[in-house]
């Protein structure tokens, strides 16, 4: 199941923007994974937003806010095309929520972590990608 985590400096997003972005990022991840839009899959798409104290996340050049997005997916869930689409859309989602423009895109890093088969568990069981694909296919039928 997918998980997406955004790390950013505290205070960059309003409470409303943060709440909306949390749902948007989870939906974006599901879309690019090709998962069906069902209550079950939405409930499995976790999104965590971590705000770090001012000055704890930046560069040596300036004090502008930086954003790191970590997306964890099963190995094989994203083709190269889907990875590119995910990176582009997540970057646009974060920039929009922060009120920034495409010119600020280098301040958003998206890191995709592919979880090897047999190393993801839920409900006390190993979650297999093939089982998720079959469940998704059944949800579309």
N, C-alpha and C. Protein backbone atom coordinates (compact mmCIF):
# COMPACT_ATOMS: atom_id res chain seq x y z
N UNK A 1 0.84 -1.18 0.00
CA UNK A 1 0.00 0.00 0.00
C UNK A 1 0.89 1.24 0.00
N UNK A 2 0.43 2.29 -0.62
CA UNK A 2 1.29 3.47 -0.72
C UNK A 2 1.27 4.33 0.54
N UNK A 3 2.39 5.00 0.74
CA UNK A 3 2.48 5.98 1.82
C UNK A 3 3.28 7.16 1.28
N UNK A 4 2.83 8.35 1.61
CA UNK A 4 3.53 9.55 1.16
C UNK A 4 3.73 10.47 2.35
N UNK A 5 4.92 11.03 2.45
CA UNK A 5 5.28 11.87 3.59
C UNK A 5 5.91 13.16 3.08
N UNK A 6 5.42 14.28 3.60
CA UNK A 6 5.95 15.59 3.26
C UNK A 6 6.65 16.16 4.48
N UNK A 7 7.88 16.60 4.30
CA UNK A 7 8.61 17.29 5.36
C UNK A 7 8.82 18.73 4.90
N UNK A 8 8.50 19.68 5.78
CA UNK A 8 8.63 21.09 5.44
C UNK A 8 8.80 21.90 6.71
N UNK A 9 9.25 23.15 6.60
CA UNK A 9 9.37 24.00 7.78
C UNK A 9 8.00 24.35 8.35
N UNK A 10 7.93 24.44 9.66
CA UNK A 10 6.69 24.81 10.35
C UNK A 10 6.22 26.19 9.89
N UNK A 11 4.91 26.32 9.77
CA UNK A 11 4.31 27.61 9.46
C UNK A 11 4.21 27.97 7.99
N UNK A 12 4.73 27.13 7.11
CA UNK A 12 4.68 27.43 5.68
C UNK A 12 3.27 27.28 5.14
N UNK A 13 2.54 26.29 5.64
CA UNK A 13 1.17 26.04 5.18
C UNK A 13 0.17 26.43 6.27
N UNK A 14 -0.94 26.99 5.86
CA UNK A 14 -2.02 27.22 6.81
C UNK A 14 -2.63 25.88 7.20
N UNK A 15 -3.41 25.84 8.26
CA UNK A 15 -4.04 24.59 8.69
C UNK A 15 -4.95 24.04 7.59
N UNK A 16 -5.69 24.93 6.92
CA UNK A 16 -6.58 24.48 5.85
C UNK A 16 -5.78 23.93 4.66
N UNK A 17 -4.70 24.62 4.29
CA UNK A 17 -3.88 24.17 3.16
C UNK A 17 -3.22 22.84 3.50
N UNK A 18 -2.80 22.69 4.72
CA UNK A 18 -2.16 21.44 5.16
C UNK A 18 -3.15 20.28 5.09
N UNK A 19 -4.34 20.49 5.59
CA UNK A 19 -5.37 19.44 5.57
C UNK A 19 -5.74 19.05 4.14
N UNK A 20 -5.92 20.03 3.29
CA UNK A 20 -6.26 19.76 1.89
C UNK A 20 -5.12 19.04 1.19
N UNK A 21 -3.89 19.48 1.44
CA UNK A 21 -2.74 18.87 0.78
C UNK A 21 -2.56 17.43 1.22
N UNK A 22 -2.86 17.13 2.46
CA UNK A 22 -2.73 15.76 2.95
C UNK A 22 -3.61 14.81 2.13
N UNK A 23 -4.83 15.22 1.86
CA UNK A 23 -5.73 14.40 1.04
C UNK A 23 -5.29 14.40 -0.42
N UNK A 24 -4.87 15.54 -0.92
CA UNK A 24 -4.44 15.64 -2.31
C UNK A 24 -3.24 14.74 -2.60
N UNK A 25 -2.24 14.75 -1.71
CA UNK A 25 -1.06 13.94 -1.94
C UNK A 25 -1.40 12.44 -1.94
N UNK A 26 -2.26 12.01 -1.03
CA UNK A 26 -2.66 10.60 -1.00
C UNK A 26 -3.40 10.23 -2.28
N UNK A 27 -4.29 11.10 -2.74
CA UNK A 27 -5.03 10.85 -3.97
C UNK A 27 -4.09 10.83 -5.18
N UNK A 28 -3.15 11.74 -5.22
CA UNK A 28 -2.18 11.79 -6.31
C UNK A 28 -1.38 10.49 -6.37
N UNK A 29 -0.95 10.00 -5.22
CA UNK A 29 -0.18 8.77 -5.19
C UNK A 29 -1.01 7.59 -5.69
N UNK A 30 -2.24 7.48 -5.24
CA UNK A 30 -3.12 6.40 -5.71
C UNK A 30 -3.34 6.48 -7.22
N UNK A 31 -3.55 7.69 -7.71
CA UNK A 31 -3.79 7.88 -9.14
C UNK A 31 -2.63 7.36 -9.96
N UNK A 32 -1.41 7.74 -9.58
CA UNK A 32 -0.25 7.33 -10.37
C UNK A 32 0.11 5.87 -10.17
N UNK A 33 -0.33 5.29 -9.07
CA UNK A 33 -0.16 3.85 -8.91
C UNK A 33 -1.16 3.07 -9.76
N UNK A 34 -2.21 3.76 -10.17
CA UNK A 34 -3.24 3.09 -10.95
C UNK A 34 -4.23 2.34 -10.09
N UNK A 35 -4.31 2.68 -8.82
CA UNK A 35 -5.25 2.03 -7.90
C UNK A 35 -6.66 2.55 -8.16
N UNK A 36 -7.65 1.70 -7.94
CA UNK A 36 -9.03 2.15 -8.13
C UNK A 36 -9.43 3.13 -7.03
N UNK A 37 -10.35 4.01 -7.35
CA UNK A 37 -10.83 5.00 -6.39
C UNK A 37 -11.96 4.37 -5.58
N UNK A 38 -11.57 3.56 -4.59
CA UNK A 38 -12.54 2.92 -3.71
C UNK A 38 -12.21 3.29 -2.27
N UNK A 39 -13.18 3.12 -1.39
CA UNK A 39 -12.97 3.41 0.02
C UNK A 39 -11.81 2.59 0.58
N UNK A 40 -11.70 1.32 0.18
CA UNK A 40 -10.63 0.47 0.68
C UNK A 40 -9.26 1.03 0.31
N UNK A 41 -9.05 1.35 -0.96
CA UNK A 41 -7.74 1.83 -1.38
C UNK A 41 -7.45 3.22 -0.83
N UNK A 42 -8.47 4.08 -0.74
CA UNK A 42 -8.25 5.40 -0.13
C UNK A 42 -7.83 5.26 1.33
N UNK A 43 -8.41 4.29 2.03
CA UNK A 43 -8.08 4.08 3.45
C UNK A 43 -6.66 3.55 3.63
N UNK A 44 -6.09 2.95 2.60
CA UNK A 44 -4.73 2.40 2.68
C UNK A 44 -3.67 3.40 2.24
N UNK A 45 -4.07 4.49 1.62
CA UNK A 45 -3.11 5.50 1.14
C UNK A 45 -2.83 6.48 2.27
N UNK A 46 -1.78 6.23 2.97
CA UNK A 46 -1.43 7.06 4.12
C UNK A 46 -0.63 8.28 3.69
N UNK A 47 -0.90 9.40 4.35
CA UNK A 47 -0.15 10.63 4.10
C UNK A 47 0.21 11.25 5.45
N UNK A 48 1.48 11.54 5.60
CA UNK A 48 1.97 12.16 6.83
C UNK A 48 2.67 13.46 6.46
N UNK A 49 2.34 14.51 7.18
CA UNK A 49 3.02 15.79 6.98
C UNK A 49 3.77 16.13 8.25
N UNK A 50 5.08 16.26 8.11
CA UNK A 50 5.95 16.58 9.23
C UNK A 50 6.48 17.99 9.08
N UNK A 51 6.16 18.81 10.07
CA UNK A 51 6.70 20.16 10.10
C UNK A 51 7.89 20.18 11.06
N UNK A 52 9.00 20.70 10.58
CA UNK A 52 10.19 20.79 11.41
C UNK A 52 10.36 22.24 11.85
N UNK A 53 11.04 22.47 12.99
CA UNK A 53 11.19 23.84 13.48
C UNK A 53 11.91 24.75 12.48
N UNK A 54 11.59 26.02 12.56
CA UNK A 54 12.24 27.01 11.70
C UNK A 54 13.76 26.88 11.82
N UNK A 55 14.43 26.89 10.67
CA UNK A 55 15.88 26.79 10.65
C UNK A 55 16.41 25.37 10.67
N UNK A 56 15.52 24.38 10.79
CA UNK A 56 15.97 22.98 10.87
C UNK A 56 16.03 22.30 9.51
N UNK A 57 15.54 22.96 8.48
CA UNK A 57 15.45 22.33 7.17
C UNK A 57 15.65 23.41 6.12
N UNK A 58 16.83 23.49 5.54
CA UNK A 58 17.10 24.54 4.57
C UNK A 58 18.40 24.27 3.84
N UNK A 59 18.95 25.33 3.29
CA UNK A 59 20.20 25.22 2.55
C UNK A 59 21.21 26.23 3.07
N UNK A 60 22.42 26.14 2.57
CA UNK A 60 23.46 27.10 2.94
C UNK A 60 23.29 28.42 2.19
N UNK A 61 22.42 28.44 1.18
CA UNK A 61 22.27 29.61 0.32
C UNK A 61 21.26 30.63 0.83
N UNK A 62 20.09 30.17 1.30
CA UNK A 62 19.03 31.11 1.67
C UNK A 62 18.12 30.48 2.72
N UNK A 63 17.13 31.25 3.14
CA UNK A 63 16.18 30.78 4.15
C UNK A 63 14.82 30.43 3.56
N UNK A 64 14.74 30.28 2.24
CA UNK A 64 13.48 29.93 1.61
C UNK A 64 13.07 28.52 2.01
N UNK A 65 11.77 28.27 2.17
CA UNK A 65 11.34 26.92 2.57
C UNK A 65 11.66 25.87 1.51
N UNK A 66 12.03 24.70 2.00
CA UNK A 66 12.28 23.54 1.15
C UNK A 66 11.27 22.46 1.53
N UNK A 67 10.98 21.59 0.58
CA UNK A 67 9.97 20.55 0.76
C UNK A 67 10.55 19.22 0.31
N UNK A 68 10.45 18.20 1.15
CA UNK A 68 10.88 16.87 0.75
C UNK A 68 9.68 15.93 0.84
N UNK A 69 9.40 15.27 -0.27
CA UNK A 69 8.29 14.32 -0.33
C UNK A 69 8.89 12.93 -0.51
N UNK A 70 8.55 12.03 0.39
CA UNK A 70 8.97 10.64 0.32
C UNK A 70 7.75 9.79 0.02
N UNK A 71 7.77 9.11 -1.11
CA UNK A 71 6.67 8.23 -1.50
C UNK A 71 7.16 6.79 -1.44
N UNK A 72 6.49 5.97 -0.66
CA UNK A 72 6.84 4.56 -0.52
C UNK A 72 5.77 3.73 -1.19
N UNK A 73 6.21 2.89 -2.12
CA UNK A 73 5.29 2.05 -2.90
C UNK A 73 5.88 0.65 -3.02
N UNK A 74 5.03 -0.35 -3.31
CA UNK A 74 5.58 -1.68 -3.56
C UNK A 74 6.49 -1.67 -4.79
N UNK A 75 7.55 -2.43 -4.72
CA UNK A 75 8.45 -2.57 -5.86
C UNK A 75 7.64 -3.05 -7.07
N UNK A 76 7.78 -2.37 -8.18
CA UNK A 76 7.06 -2.73 -9.40
C UNK A 76 5.73 -2.01 -9.58
N UNK A 77 5.32 -1.21 -8.59
CA UNK A 77 4.03 -0.53 -8.69
C UNK A 77 4.05 0.64 -9.66
N UNK A 78 5.21 1.22 -9.90
CA UNK A 78 5.30 2.41 -10.74
C UNK A 78 6.26 2.18 -11.90
N UNK A 79 5.76 2.33 -13.12
CA UNK A 79 6.64 2.32 -14.29
C UNK A 79 7.42 3.63 -14.32
N UNK A 80 8.37 3.75 -15.22
CA UNK A 80 9.12 5.01 -15.35
C UNK A 80 8.17 6.16 -15.68
N UNK A 81 7.19 5.91 -16.55
CA UNK A 81 6.21 6.94 -16.91
C UNK A 81 5.40 7.37 -15.69
N UNK A 82 4.99 6.40 -14.89
CA UNK A 82 4.21 6.72 -13.68
C UNK A 82 5.06 7.45 -12.64
N UNK A 83 6.33 7.07 -12.52
CA UNK A 83 7.22 7.79 -11.59
C UNK A 83 7.34 9.25 -12.00
N UNK A 84 7.56 9.48 -13.30
CA UNK A 84 7.69 10.85 -13.80
C UNK A 84 6.42 11.64 -13.56
N UNK A 85 5.27 11.02 -13.83
CA UNK A 85 3.99 11.70 -13.61
C UNK A 85 3.76 12.01 -12.15
N UNK A 86 4.10 11.06 -11.27
CA UNK A 86 3.95 11.27 -9.83
C UNK A 86 4.81 12.44 -9.37
N UNK A 87 6.06 12.45 -9.81
CA UNK A 87 6.98 13.53 -9.41
C UNK A 87 6.45 14.89 -9.89
N UNK A 88 6.00 14.96 -11.13
CA UNK A 88 5.48 16.22 -11.66
C UNK A 88 4.24 16.68 -10.90
N UNK A 89 3.30 15.76 -10.67
CA UNK A 89 2.06 16.17 -10.02
C UNK A 89 2.26 16.50 -8.54
N UNK A 90 3.07 15.71 -7.83
CA UNK A 90 3.33 16.01 -6.42
C UNK A 90 4.01 17.37 -6.28
N UNK A 91 4.95 17.64 -7.16
CA UNK A 91 5.61 18.95 -7.13
C UNK A 91 4.59 20.06 -7.33
N UNK A 92 3.71 19.92 -8.30
CA UNK A 92 2.67 20.92 -8.56
C UNK A 92 1.73 21.04 -7.36
N UNK A 93 1.36 19.92 -6.75
CA UNK A 93 0.48 19.94 -5.57
C UNK A 93 1.10 20.74 -4.43
N UNK A 94 2.38 20.49 -4.15
CA UNK A 94 3.07 21.17 -3.04
C UNK A 94 3.23 22.65 -3.35
N UNK A 95 3.65 22.97 -4.57
CA UNK A 95 3.82 24.38 -4.94
C UNK A 95 2.50 25.14 -4.81
N UNK A 96 1.42 24.55 -5.28
CA UNK A 96 0.11 25.21 -5.21
C UNK A 96 -0.31 25.43 -3.75
N UNK A 97 -0.13 24.43 -2.92
CA UNK A 97 -0.52 24.55 -1.51
C UNK A 97 0.28 25.63 -0.79
N UNK A 98 1.54 25.78 -1.18
CA UNK A 98 2.42 26.77 -0.53
C UNK A 98 2.33 28.14 -1.19
N UNK A 99 1.51 28.26 -2.25
CA UNK A 99 1.38 29.55 -2.94
C UNK A 99 2.61 29.92 -3.74
N UNK A 100 3.33 28.92 -4.23
CA UNK A 100 4.55 29.16 -5.00
C UNK A 100 4.30 28.88 -6.48
N UNK A 101 5.27 29.22 -7.32
CA UNK A 101 5.12 29.03 -8.76
C UNK A 101 6.06 27.93 -9.25
N UNK A 102 5.92 27.59 -10.52
CA UNK A 102 6.80 26.58 -11.13
C UNK A 102 8.28 26.97 -11.00
N UNK A 103 8.56 28.25 -10.93
CA UNK A 103 9.94 28.72 -10.80
C UNK A 103 10.56 28.24 -9.48
N UNK A 104 9.72 27.87 -8.52
CA UNK A 104 10.21 27.39 -7.23
C UNK A 104 10.33 25.86 -7.19
N UNK A 105 10.16 25.20 -8.32
CA UNK A 105 10.12 23.74 -8.38
C UNK A 105 11.35 23.03 -7.83
N UNK A 106 12.51 23.65 -7.93
CA UNK A 106 13.72 23.00 -7.40
C UNK A 106 13.74 22.93 -5.89
N UNK A 107 12.80 23.64 -5.25
CA UNK A 107 12.70 23.59 -3.79
C UNK A 107 11.86 22.41 -3.32
N UNK A 108 11.31 21.65 -4.26
CA UNK A 108 10.51 20.46 -3.93
C UNK A 108 11.26 19.23 -4.44
N UNK A 109 11.67 18.38 -3.54
CA UNK A 109 12.30 17.12 -3.92
C UNK A 109 11.32 16.00 -3.66
N UNK A 110 11.20 15.09 -4.61
CA UNK A 110 10.33 13.92 -4.48
C UNK A 110 11.21 12.68 -4.58
N UNK A 111 11.20 11.89 -3.53
CA UNK A 111 12.00 10.67 -3.47
C UNK A 111 11.06 9.47 -3.45
N UNK A 112 11.23 8.58 -4.40
CA UNK A 112 10.39 7.39 -4.48
C UNK A 112 11.16 6.21 -3.90
N UNK A 113 10.55 5.58 -2.91
CA UNK A 113 11.14 4.42 -2.25
C UNK A 113 10.32 3.19 -2.62
N UNK A 114 10.95 2.26 -3.33
CA UNK A 114 10.25 1.04 -3.72
C UNK A 114 10.53 -0.05 -2.69
N UNK A 115 9.47 -0.49 -2.06
CA UNK A 115 9.56 -1.49 -1.01
C UNK A 115 9.66 -2.88 -1.63
N UNK A 116 10.77 -3.61 -1.40
CA UNK A 116 10.93 -4.93 -2.00
C UNK A 116 9.83 -5.91 -1.57
N UNK A 117 9.51 -6.80 -2.48
CA UNK A 117 8.50 -7.83 -2.22
C UNK A 117 8.86 -8.59 -0.94
N UNK A 118 7.87 -8.82 -0.11
CA UNK A 118 8.06 -9.57 1.12
C UNK A 118 8.51 -8.75 2.31
N UNK A 119 8.66 -7.41 2.12
CA UNK A 119 9.13 -6.57 3.23
C UNK A 119 8.08 -5.55 3.69
N UNK A 120 6.84 -5.75 3.26
CA UNK A 120 5.76 -4.86 3.66
C UNK A 120 4.69 -5.72 4.31
N UNK A 121 4.27 -5.35 5.49
CA UNK A 121 3.25 -6.13 6.18
C UNK A 121 2.13 -5.25 6.71
N UNK A 122 0.96 -5.86 6.84
CA UNK A 122 -0.20 -5.20 7.43
C UNK A 122 -1.10 -6.28 8.01
N UNK A 123 -1.78 -5.95 9.08
CA UNK A 123 -2.70 -6.89 9.74
C UNK A 123 -1.98 -8.19 10.11
N UNK A 124 -0.70 -8.09 10.41
CA UNK A 124 0.07 -9.25 10.82
C UNK A 124 0.50 -10.18 9.70
N UNK A 125 0.35 -9.73 8.44
CA UNK A 125 0.68 -10.56 7.29
C UNK A 125 1.56 -9.80 6.31
N UNK A 126 2.33 -10.56 5.52
CA UNK A 126 3.09 -9.94 4.44
C UNK A 126 2.11 -9.55 3.34
N UNK A 127 2.25 -8.33 2.85
CA UNK A 127 1.42 -7.85 1.75
C UNK A 127 2.20 -8.08 0.46
N UNK A 128 1.61 -8.78 -0.46
CA UNK A 128 2.26 -9.10 -1.74
C UNK A 128 1.67 -8.21 -2.83
N UNK A 129 2.56 -7.70 -3.68
CA UNK A 129 2.12 -6.80 -4.75
C UNK A 129 1.13 -7.49 -5.68
N UNK A 130 1.37 -8.75 -6.01
CA UNK A 130 0.46 -9.48 -6.90
C UNK A 130 -0.95 -9.55 -6.30
N UNK A 131 -1.04 -9.69 -4.99
CA UNK A 131 -2.35 -9.72 -4.33
C UNK A 131 -3.03 -8.36 -4.43
N UNK A 132 -2.25 -7.28 -4.29
CA UNK A 132 -2.82 -5.94 -4.41
C UNK A 132 -3.33 -5.69 -5.83
N UNK A 133 -2.54 -6.13 -6.82
CA UNK A 133 -2.96 -5.97 -8.22
C UNK A 133 -4.25 -6.73 -8.48
N UNK A 134 -4.38 -7.94 -7.95
CA UNK A 134 -5.60 -8.73 -8.15
C UNK A 134 -6.77 -8.06 -7.45
N UNK A 135 -6.55 -7.53 -6.26
CA UNK A 135 -7.61 -6.82 -5.54
C UNK A 135 -8.06 -5.58 -6.31
N UNK A 136 -7.09 -4.84 -6.85
CA UNK A 136 -7.42 -3.64 -7.65
C UNK A 136 -8.18 -4.02 -8.90
N UNK A 137 -7.76 -5.09 -9.57
CA UNK A 137 -8.44 -5.53 -10.80
C UNK A 137 -9.88 -5.93 -10.48
N UNK A 138 -10.08 -6.60 -9.35
CA UNK A 138 -11.43 -6.99 -8.96
C UNK A 138 -12.31 -5.81 -8.62
N UNK A 139 -11.70 -4.76 -8.07
CA UNK A 139 -12.46 -3.55 -7.72
C UNK A 139 -12.91 -2.80 -8.96
N UNK A 140 -12.17 -2.94 -10.06
CA UNK A 140 -12.52 -2.26 -11.30
C UNK A 140 -13.59 -3.03 -12.08
N UNK A 141 -13.69 -4.31 -11.84
CA UNK A 141 -14.61 -5.16 -12.62
C UNK A 141 -16.06 -4.88 -12.30
